[in-house]
Amino acid sequence: MRREFSRKTRSQAFARSRGNCEACGARLMPGKFRYDHILPDALGGEPTLENCKVQCVTCDAPKTAADVTRIRKADRQRDKHTGAYERKKWPKQIRRPAPPQRRATAPLSKPLPPRRFT
């Protein structure tokens, strides 16, 4: 279960940022910023002021994508350690014999007319 920041923590983080993105320094617009966990909650990050970062949506999107990648890798490692994860093995494909190769030119059905030299 994801633990969100409390109202008090969010107000303290916003006051600390002075209305600017803590990643790029851009001015924060209402509804265009997020309170982000520095260490994701799924990886053990606590919902504290020290772990809170105020970011604009532009800075938060790539970080969130990277966080999701790290979280999924940690999930796979944990599952592999506990024996719950097994890599899928694809069944071997049935190999059919290749069709016979054709010649570069097909034999002519009727002979060519004689050449005329002038």
N, C-alpha and C. Protein backbone atom coordinates (compact mmCIF):
# COMPACT_ATOMS: atom_id res chain seq x y z
N MET A 1 0.84 -1.18 0.00
CA MET A 1 0.00 0.00 0.00
C MET A 1 0.88 1.24 0.00
N ARG A 2 0.58 2.16 -0.87
CA ARG A 2 1.36 3.39 -0.99
C ARG A 2 1.01 4.35 0.13
N ARG A 3 2.05 4.91 0.73
CA ARG A 3 1.85 5.88 1.80
C ARG A 3 2.10 7.28 1.25
N GLU A 4 1.09 8.12 1.32
CA GLU A 4 1.18 9.49 0.81
C GLU A 4 1.73 10.42 1.89
N PHE A 5 2.18 11.59 1.45
CA PHE A 5 2.66 12.59 2.39
C PHE A 5 1.48 13.23 3.11
N SER A 6 1.68 13.57 4.37
CA SER A 6 0.62 14.24 5.12
C SER A 6 0.49 15.69 4.65
N ARG A 7 -0.60 16.32 5.01
CA ARG A 7 -0.82 17.72 4.63
C ARG A 7 0.28 18.61 5.21
N LYS A 8 0.68 18.33 6.43
CA LYS A 8 1.73 19.11 7.08
C LYS A 8 3.06 18.97 6.33
N THR A 9 3.40 17.74 5.95
CA THR A 9 4.65 17.50 5.21
C THR A 9 4.63 18.20 3.87
N ARG A 10 3.49 18.14 3.17
CA ARG A 10 3.39 18.81 1.87
C ARG A 10 3.53 20.32 2.01
N SER A 11 2.91 20.91 3.04
CA SER A 11 3.01 22.37 3.21
C SER A 11 4.44 22.77 3.58
N GLN A 12 5.12 21.96 4.39
CA GLN A 12 6.51 22.26 4.74
C GLN A 12 7.43 22.14 3.52
N ALA A 13 7.17 21.13 2.68
CA ALA A 13 7.99 20.94 1.47
C ALA A 13 7.78 22.10 0.49
N PHE A 14 6.54 22.55 0.36
CA PHE A 14 6.26 23.67 -0.55
C PHE A 14 6.93 24.94 -0.02
N ALA A 15 6.88 25.15 1.30
CA ALA A 15 7.54 26.33 1.88
C ALA A 15 9.05 26.26 1.66
N ARG A 16 9.62 25.05 1.80
CA ARG A 16 11.06 24.87 1.59
C ARG A 16 11.43 25.18 0.14
N SER A 17 10.56 24.82 -0.82
CA SER A 17 10.88 25.04 -2.23
C SER A 17 10.68 26.49 -2.67
N ARG A 18 9.96 27.28 -1.87
CA ARG A 18 9.67 28.69 -2.17
C ARG A 18 8.96 28.85 -3.51
N GLY A 19 8.12 27.87 -3.86
CA GLY A 19 7.33 27.97 -5.08
C GLY A 19 8.09 27.63 -6.35
N ASN A 20 9.27 27.02 -6.22
CA ASN A 20 10.07 26.64 -7.38
C ASN A 20 10.27 25.12 -7.38
N CYS A 21 10.44 24.58 -8.57
CA CYS A 21 10.72 23.15 -8.71
C CYS A 21 12.09 22.87 -8.10
N GLU A 22 12.17 21.85 -7.26
CA GLU A 22 13.44 21.52 -6.61
C GLU A 22 14.38 20.75 -7.53
N ALA A 23 13.92 20.40 -8.72
CA ALA A 23 14.78 19.70 -9.68
C ALA A 23 15.39 20.67 -10.70
N CYS A 24 14.55 21.53 -11.29
CA CYS A 24 15.05 22.41 -12.36
C CYS A 24 14.98 23.89 -11.99
N GLY A 25 14.25 24.25 -10.94
CA GLY A 25 14.16 25.64 -10.51
C GLY A 25 13.06 26.44 -11.16
N ALA A 26 12.24 25.80 -12.01
CA ALA A 26 11.14 26.51 -12.69
C ALA A 26 10.07 26.92 -11.68
N ARG A 27 9.35 27.98 -11.99
CA ARG A 27 8.26 28.43 -11.14
C ARG A 27 7.13 27.41 -11.17
N LEU A 28 6.59 27.04 -10.01
CA LEU A 28 5.52 26.06 -9.93
C LEU A 28 4.17 26.72 -10.17
N MET A 29 3.39 26.14 -11.05
CA MET A 29 2.06 26.64 -11.36
C MET A 29 1.04 25.76 -10.63
N PRO A 30 -0.08 26.33 -10.20
CA PRO A 30 -1.09 25.53 -9.50
C PRO A 30 -1.56 24.33 -10.35
N GLY A 31 -1.53 23.15 -9.75
CA GLY A 31 -1.95 21.94 -10.44
C GLY A 31 -0.92 21.35 -11.38
N LYS A 32 0.24 21.98 -11.53
CA LYS A 32 1.27 21.52 -12.46
C LYS A 32 2.52 21.04 -11.73
N PHE A 33 2.37 20.61 -10.47
CA PHE A 33 3.52 20.09 -9.74
C PHE A 33 3.07 18.91 -8.89
N ARG A 34 4.08 18.15 -8.42
CA ARG A 34 3.81 16.95 -7.63
C ARG A 34 4.78 16.86 -6.47
N TYR A 35 4.33 16.19 -5.42
CA TYR A 35 5.19 15.88 -4.28
C TYR A 35 5.71 14.47 -4.51
N ASP A 36 7.01 14.35 -4.71
CA ASP A 36 7.60 13.08 -5.11
C ASP A 36 8.46 12.50 -4.00
N HIS A 37 8.43 11.16 -3.87
CA HIS A 37 9.34 10.48 -2.95
C HIS A 37 10.73 10.44 -3.59
N ILE A 38 11.75 10.87 -2.89
CA ILE A 38 13.11 10.78 -3.41
C ILE A 38 13.47 9.30 -3.53
N LEU A 39 13.29 8.55 -2.45
CA LEU A 39 13.40 7.10 -2.48
C LEU A 39 11.98 6.57 -2.54
N PRO A 40 11.60 5.90 -3.62
CA PRO A 40 10.21 5.49 -3.78
C PRO A 40 9.67 4.70 -2.59
N ASP A 41 8.41 4.86 -2.34
CA ASP A 41 7.74 4.19 -1.23
C ASP A 41 7.87 2.67 -1.37
N ALA A 42 7.80 2.16 -2.58
CA ALA A 42 7.89 0.72 -2.80
C ALA A 42 9.28 0.17 -2.52
N LEU A 43 10.29 1.04 -2.49
CA LEU A 43 11.66 0.62 -2.19
C LEU A 43 12.06 0.97 -0.77
N GLY A 44 11.08 1.32 0.06
CA GLY A 44 11.36 1.57 1.47
C GLY A 44 11.41 3.03 1.86
N GLY A 45 11.07 3.94 0.97
CA GLY A 45 11.08 5.37 1.28
C GLY A 45 9.93 5.74 2.21
N GLU A 46 10.22 6.51 3.20
CA GLU A 46 9.21 6.93 4.18
C GLU A 46 8.54 8.22 3.72
N PRO A 47 7.30 8.47 4.13
CA PRO A 47 6.62 9.72 3.77
C PRO A 47 7.01 10.85 4.74
N THR A 48 8.29 11.23 4.71
CA THR A 48 8.80 12.28 5.59
C THR A 48 9.24 13.48 4.77
N LEU A 49 9.49 14.58 5.46
CA LEU A 49 9.92 15.81 4.78
C LEU A 49 11.27 15.60 4.09
N GLU A 50 12.15 14.82 4.69
CA GLU A 50 13.48 14.58 4.12
C GLU A 50 13.39 13.77 2.82
N ASN A 51 12.35 12.99 2.67
CA ASN A 51 12.19 12.15 1.49
C ASN A 51 11.22 12.77 0.47
N CYS A 52 10.77 13.99 0.73
CA CYS A 52 9.81 14.66 -0.15
C CYS A 52 10.53 15.69 -1.02
N LYS A 53 10.14 15.70 -2.29
CA LYS A 53 10.72 16.66 -3.23
C LYS A 53 9.58 17.24 -4.06
N VAL A 54 9.52 18.56 -4.17
CA VAL A 54 8.48 19.22 -4.96
C VAL A 54 9.02 19.41 -6.36
N GLN A 55 8.31 18.82 -7.36
CA GLN A 55 8.79 18.88 -8.73
C GLN A 55 7.67 19.28 -9.67
N CYS A 56 8.06 19.95 -10.75
CA CYS A 56 7.09 20.24 -11.80
C CYS A 56 6.79 18.93 -12.55
N VAL A 57 5.69 18.89 -13.27
CA VAL A 57 5.28 17.67 -13.97
C VAL A 57 6.33 17.26 -14.99
N THR A 58 6.98 18.21 -15.63
CA THR A 58 8.00 17.93 -16.63
C THR A 58 9.18 17.17 -16.04
N CYS A 59 9.60 17.53 -14.83
CA CYS A 59 10.72 16.85 -14.18
C CYS A 59 10.29 15.53 -13.54
N ASP A 60 9.02 15.45 -13.14
CA ASP A 60 8.56 14.27 -12.41
C ASP A 60 8.32 13.07 -13.33
N ALA A 61 7.90 13.29 -14.55
CA ALA A 61 7.55 12.18 -15.45
C ALA A 61 8.73 11.23 -15.72
N PRO A 62 9.92 11.73 -16.12
CA PRO A 62 11.02 10.79 -16.36
C PRO A 62 11.51 10.11 -15.09
N LYS A 63 11.47 10.82 -13.96
CA LYS A 63 11.89 10.21 -12.70
C LYS A 63 10.94 9.10 -12.30
N THR A 64 9.64 9.33 -12.48
CA THR A 64 8.66 8.31 -12.15
C THR A 64 8.85 7.08 -13.02
N ALA A 65 9.13 7.27 -14.31
CA ALA A 65 9.37 6.14 -15.21
C ALA A 65 10.60 5.35 -14.76
N ALA A 66 11.66 6.05 -14.36
CA ALA A 66 12.87 5.37 -13.88
C ALA A 66 12.58 4.64 -12.57
N ASP A 67 11.77 5.26 -11.70
CA ASP A 67 11.42 4.62 -10.43
C ASP A 67 10.63 3.33 -10.67
N VAL A 68 9.71 3.36 -11.62
CA VAL A 68 8.92 2.16 -11.91
C VAL A 68 9.83 1.04 -12.39
N THR A 69 10.82 1.36 -13.21
CA THR A 69 11.77 0.36 -13.69
C THR A 69 12.53 -0.25 -12.52
N ARG A 70 13.00 0.59 -11.61
CA ARG A 70 13.74 0.10 -10.43
C ARG A 70 12.86 -0.76 -9.54
N ILE A 71 11.60 -0.36 -9.36
CA ILE A 71 10.67 -1.10 -8.50
C ILE A 71 10.39 -2.47 -9.11
N ARG A 72 10.15 -2.54 -10.42
CA ARG A 72 9.87 -3.81 -11.06
C ARG A 72 11.08 -4.75 -11.00
N LYS A 73 12.28 -4.18 -11.13
CA LYS A 73 13.49 -5.01 -11.04
C LYS A 73 13.61 -5.57 -9.63
N ALA A 74 13.35 -4.75 -8.62
CA ALA A 74 13.40 -5.22 -7.24
C ALA A 74 12.36 -6.31 -7.00
N ASP A 75 11.17 -6.15 -7.60
CA ASP A 75 10.13 -7.18 -7.48
C ASP A 75 10.59 -8.50 -8.09
N ARG A 76 11.21 -8.44 -9.28
CA ARG A 76 11.70 -9.66 -9.92
C ARG A 76 12.79 -10.33 -9.10
N GLN A 77 13.71 -9.52 -8.55
CA GLN A 77 14.78 -10.09 -7.74
C GLN A 77 14.23 -10.75 -6.48
N ARG A 78 13.26 -10.10 -5.84
CA ARG A 78 12.65 -10.67 -4.64
C ARG A 78 11.92 -11.97 -4.99
N ASP A 79 11.16 -11.95 -6.08
CA ASP A 79 10.43 -13.14 -6.48
C ASP A 79 11.37 -14.28 -6.86
N LYS A 80 12.47 -13.95 -7.52
CA LYS A 80 13.43 -14.98 -7.89
C LYS A 80 14.07 -15.59 -6.64
N HIS A 81 14.36 -14.75 -5.67
CA HIS A 81 14.96 -15.23 -4.42
C HIS A 81 14.01 -16.15 -3.66
N THR A 82 12.72 -15.83 -3.67
CA THR A 82 11.75 -16.65 -2.95
C THR A 82 11.25 -17.82 -3.78
N GLY A 83 11.64 -17.89 -5.05
CA GLY A 83 11.23 -18.99 -5.91
C GLY A 83 9.91 -18.77 -6.60
N ALA A 84 9.35 -17.58 -6.50
CA ALA A 84 8.06 -17.31 -7.12
C ALA A 84 8.20 -16.89 -8.57
N TYR A 85 9.38 -16.50 -8.99
CA TYR A 85 9.58 -16.01 -10.36
C TYR A 85 10.29 -17.08 -11.16
N GLU A 86 9.74 -17.37 -12.30
CA GLU A 86 10.37 -18.31 -13.21
C GLU A 86 10.33 -17.71 -14.59
N ARG A 87 11.47 -17.64 -15.22
CA ARG A 87 11.53 -17.06 -16.55
C ARG A 87 10.76 -17.94 -17.52
N LYS A 88 9.98 -17.32 -18.36
CA LYS A 88 9.17 -18.07 -19.32
C LYS A 88 10.07 -18.70 -20.37
N LYS A 89 9.83 -19.96 -20.61
CA LYS A 89 10.56 -20.66 -21.65
C LYS A 89 9.61 -20.88 -22.81
N TRP A 90 9.97 -20.39 -23.95
CA TRP A 90 9.11 -20.50 -25.11
C TRP A 90 9.26 -21.89 -25.70
N PRO A 91 8.16 -22.48 -26.16
CA PRO A 91 8.26 -23.82 -26.77
C PRO A 91 9.05 -23.74 -28.07
N LYS A 92 9.75 -24.82 -28.35
CA LYS A 92 10.52 -24.85 -29.59
C LYS A 92 9.56 -24.86 -30.77
N GLN A 93 9.92 -24.12 -31.77
CA GLN A 93 9.07 -24.05 -32.95
C GLN A 93 9.23 -25.32 -33.78
N ILE A 94 8.16 -25.73 -34.40
CA ILE A 94 8.22 -26.89 -35.28
C ILE A 94 8.90 -26.44 -36.56
N ARG A 95 9.98 -27.12 -36.88
CA ARG A 95 10.73 -26.73 -38.07
C ARG A 95 10.20 -27.50 -39.28
N ARG A 96 9.78 -26.77 -40.24
CA ARG A 96 9.31 -27.37 -41.49
C ARG A 96 10.46 -27.34 -42.49
N PRO A 97 10.50 -28.33 -43.36
CA PRO A 97 11.58 -28.29 -44.35
C PRO A 97 11.42 -27.09 -45.29
N ALA A 98 12.54 -26.52 -45.65
CA ALA A 98 12.51 -25.36 -46.52
C ALA A 98 12.04 -25.77 -47.91
N PRO A 99 11.33 -24.88 -48.59
CA PRO A 99 10.91 -25.23 -49.94
C PRO A 99 12.13 -25.36 -50.84
N PRO A 100 12.04 -26.17 -51.89
CA PRO A 100 13.20 -26.33 -52.77
C PRO A 100 13.59 -25.00 -53.41
N GLN A 101 14.88 -24.81 -53.54
CA GLN A 101 15.35 -23.56 -54.12
C GLN A 101 15.11 -23.56 -55.62
N ARG A 102 14.85 -22.39 -56.12
CA ARG A 102 14.59 -22.26 -57.55
C ARG A 102 15.85 -21.77 -58.25
N ARG A 103 15.86 -21.99 -59.54
CA ARG A 103 16.99 -21.48 -60.32
C ARG A 103 16.84 -19.98 -60.51
N ALA A 104 17.93 -19.36 -60.85
CA ALA A 104 17.90 -17.92 -61.10
C ALA A 104 17.02 -17.59 -62.30
N THR A 105 17.05 -18.45 -63.33
CA THR A 105 16.18 -18.26 -64.50
C THR A 105 15.43 -19.54 -64.74
N ALA A 106 14.21 -19.41 -65.09
CA ALA A 106 13.38 -20.59 -65.38
C ALA A 106 13.62 -21.02 -66.82
N PRO A 107 13.54 -22.30 -67.09
CA PRO A 107 13.71 -22.73 -68.49
C PRO A 107 12.58 -22.19 -69.35
N LEU A 108 12.92 -21.86 -70.60
CA LEU A 108 11.93 -21.31 -71.52
C LEU A 108 11.00 -22.41 -72.02
N SER A 109 9.76 -22.04 -72.20
CA SER A 109 8.79 -23.02 -72.68
C SER A 109 8.91 -23.22 -74.20
N LYS A 110 9.30 -22.20 -74.95
CA LYS A 110 9.51 -22.34 -76.40
C LYS A 110 10.81 -21.64 -76.76
N PRO A 111 11.45 -22.04 -77.84
CA PRO A 111 12.75 -21.46 -78.19
C PRO A 111 12.63 -20.01 -78.65
N LEU A 112 13.71 -19.27 -78.46
CA LEU A 112 13.76 -17.88 -78.89
C LEU A 112 13.86 -17.81 -80.41
N PRO A 113 13.35 -16.74 -81.02
CA PRO A 113 13.52 -16.59 -82.47
C PRO A 113 14.99 -16.32 -82.80
N PRO A 114 15.43 -16.65 -84.00
CA PRO A 114 16.84 -16.42 -84.35
C PRO A 114 17.19 -14.93 -84.35
N ARG A 115 18.42 -14.63 -83.99
CA ARG A 115 18.88 -13.24 -83.94
C ARG A 115 19.19 -12.74 -85.32
N ARG A 116 18.94 -11.48 -85.54
CA ARG A 116 19.25 -10.86 -86.83
C ARG A 116 20.44 -9.93 -86.64
N PHE A 117 21.42 -10.11 -87.42
CA PHE A 117 22.61 -9.24 -87.36
C PHE A 117 22.57 -8.34 -88.59
N THR A 118 22.66 -7.06 -88.43
CA THR A 118 22.67 -6.16 -89.57
C THR A 118 23.93 -5.41 -89.69
